Amino acid sequence: MKKNDFKNDFRCKAIQKLELESKKITIKSKDKKISNEIYKIIKKYDFKTIMLYIPLKLEVDINDLILKLRREKK
């Protein structure tokens, strides 16, 4: 393998990793925004009992919201 081939291969793999990580960051920030909106609604209407589910991998991750509400005894 030539030096240039190695560099090109390395660059391609690095770019792929960066693209994948940037998508994860975007997804996490969207999950956080949705969780915050749900939390605001819960607080606004002062719900006493709330039923939430543990999300699947393809759904919005609300695990942080669940933990936050459990700490608040909701």
C-alpha atoms as a PDB file:
ATOM      1  CA  MET A   1       0.000   0.000   0.000  1.00  0.00           C
ATOM      2  CA  LYS A   2       1.360   3.354  -0.979  1.00  0.00           C
ATOM      3  CA  LYS A   3       1.542   6.245   1.444  1.00  0.00           C
ATOM      4  CA  ASN A   4      -1.094   8.211  -0.505  1.00  0.00           C
ATOM      5  CA  ASP A   5      -3.479   5.236  -0.495  1.00  0.00           C
ATOM      6  CA  PHE A   6      -3.096   4.959   3.269  1.00  0.00           C
ATOM      7  CA  LYS A   7      -3.756   8.682   3.718  1.00  0.00           C
ATOM      8  CA  ASN A   8      -6.846   8.576   1.500  1.00  0.00           C
ATOM      9  CA  ASP A   9      -8.187   5.513   3.295  1.00  0.00           C
ATOM     10  CA  PHE A  10      -7.558   7.158   6.676  1.00  0.00           C
ATOM     11  CA  ARG A  11      -9.278  10.387   5.586  1.00  0.00           C
ATOM     12  CA  CYS A  12     -12.339   8.508   4.313  1.00  0.00           C
ATOM     13  CA  LYS A  13     -12.680   6.560   7.567  1.00  0.00           C
ATOM     14  CA  ALA A  14     -12.187   9.710   9.658  1.00  0.00           C
ATOM     15  CA  ILE A  15     -14.851  11.585   7.703  1.00  0.00           C
ATOM     16  CA  GLN A  16     -17.287   8.682   8.112  1.00  0.00           C
ATOM     17  CA  LYS A  17     -16.701   8.641  11.864  1.00  0.00           C
ATOM     18  CA  LEU A  18     -17.203  12.401  12.115  1.00  0.00           C
ATOM     19  CA  GLU A  19     -20.442  12.224  10.131  1.00  0.00           C
ATOM     20  CA  LEU A  20     -21.728   9.437  12.368  1.00  0.00           C
ATOM     21  CA  GLU A  21     -20.804  11.343  15.541  1.00  0.00           C
ATOM     22  CA  SER A  22     -22.400  14.552  14.296  1.00  0.00           C
ATOM     23  CA  LYS A  23     -25.640  12.659  13.647  1.00  0.00           C
ATOM     24  CA  LYS A  24     -25.539  11.263  17.190  1.00  0.00           C
ATOM     25  CA  ILE A  25     -25.078  14.751  18.630  1.00  0.00           C
ATOM     26  CA  THR A  26     -27.989  16.052  16.594  1.00  0.00           C
ATOM     27  CA  ILE A  27     -30.200  13.180  17.702  1.00  0.00           C
ATOM     28  CA  LYS A  28     -29.239  13.655  21.349  1.00  0.00           C
ATOM     29  CA  SER A  29     -29.954  17.363  21.216  1.00  0.00           C
ATOM     30  CA  LYS A  30     -33.350  16.688  19.636  1.00  0.00           C
ATOM     31  CA  ASP A  31     -34.112  14.080  22.315  1.00  0.00           C
ATOM     32  CA  LYS A  32     -33.219  16.592  24.998  1.00  0.00           C
ATOM     33  CA  LYS A  33     -35.445  19.283  23.459  1.00  0.00           C
ATOM     34  CA  ILE A  34     -38.394  16.891  23.292  1.00  0.00           C
ATOM     35  CA  SER A  35     -37.822  15.751  26.873  1.00  0.00           C
ATOM     36  CA  ASN A  36     -37.709  19.375  28.025  1.00  0.00           C
ATOM     37  CA  GLU A  37     -40.981  20.133  26.244  1.00  0.00           C
ATOM     38  CA  ILE A  38     -42.657  17.125  27.866  1.00  0.00           C
ATOM     39  CA  TYR A  39     -41.340  18.258  31.243  1.00  0.00           C
ATOM     40  CA  LYS A  40     -42.733  21.775  30.723  1.00  0.00           C
ATOM     41  CA  ILE A  41     -46.167  20.352  29.906  1.00  0.00           C
ATOM     42  CA  ILE A  42     -46.073  18.133  32.983  1.00  0.00           C
ATOM     43  CA  LYS A  43     -45.194  21.115  35.177  1.00  0.00           C
ATOM     44  CA  LYS A  44     -47.691  23.431  33.518  1.00  0.00           C
ATOM     45  CA  TYR A  45     -50.662  21.148  34.169  1.00  0.00           C
ATOM     46  CA  ASP A  46     -49.322  19.843  37.481  1.00  0.00           C
ATOM     47  CA  PHE A  47     -50.031  16.199  36.716  1.00  0.00           C
ATOM     48  CA  LYS A  48     -49.956  13.952  39.776  1.00  0.00           C
ATOM     49  CA  THR A  49     -49.509  10.630  37.992  1.00  0.00           C
ATOM     50  CA  ILE A  50     -47.525  10.176  34.831  1.00  0.00           C
ATOM     51  CA  MET A  51     -47.050   7.002  32.838  1.00  0.00           C
ATOM     52  CA  LEU A  52     -43.931   6.867  30.692  1.00  0.00           C
ATOM     53  CA  TYR A  53     -42.282   3.998  28.895  1.00  0.00           C
ATOM     54  CA  ILE A  54     -38.704   2.959  28.435  1.00  0.00           C
ATOM     55  CA  PRO A  55     -38.075   3.894  24.792  1.00  0.00           C
ATOM     56  CA  LEU A  56     -36.844   1.592  22.078  1.00  0.00           C
ATOM     57  CA  LYS A  57     -33.608   2.473  20.261  1.00  0.00           C
ATOM     58  CA  LEU A  58     -35.498   4.053  17.362  1.00  0.00           C
ATOM     59  CA  GLU A  59     -37.683   6.254  19.582  1.00  0.00           C
ATOM     60  CA  VAL A  60     -36.965   9.487  21.408  1.00  0.00           C
ATOM     61  CA  ASP A  61     -34.756   8.795  24.414  1.00  0.00           C
ATOM     62  CA  ILE A  62     -36.635  10.073  27.482  1.00  0.00           C
ATOM     63  CA  ASN A  63     -34.651   8.142  30.078  1.00  0.00           C
ATOM     64  CA  ASP A  64     -33.255  11.377  31.551  1.00  0.00           C
ATOM     65  CA  LEU A  65     -36.785  12.719  31.897  1.00  0.00           C
ATOM     66  CA  ILE A  66     -37.901   9.527  33.623  1.00  0.00           C
ATOM     67  CA  LEU A  67     -35.036   9.774  36.110  1.00  0.00           C
ATOM     68  CA  LYS A  68     -35.732  13.458  36.740  1.00  0.00           C
ATOM     69  CA  LEU A  69     -39.398  12.796  37.445  1.00  0.00           C
ATOM     70  CA  ARG A  70     -38.636   9.828  39.681  1.00  0.00           C
ATOM     71  CA  ARG A  71     -36.349  12.057  41.762  1.00  0.00           C
ATOM     72  CA  GLU A  72     -39.246  14.486  42.078  1.00  0.00           C
ATOM     73  CA  LYS A  73     -41.545  11.630  43.146  1.00  0.00           C
ATOM     74  CA  LYS A  74     -43.937  11.964  40.189  1.00  0.00           C
END
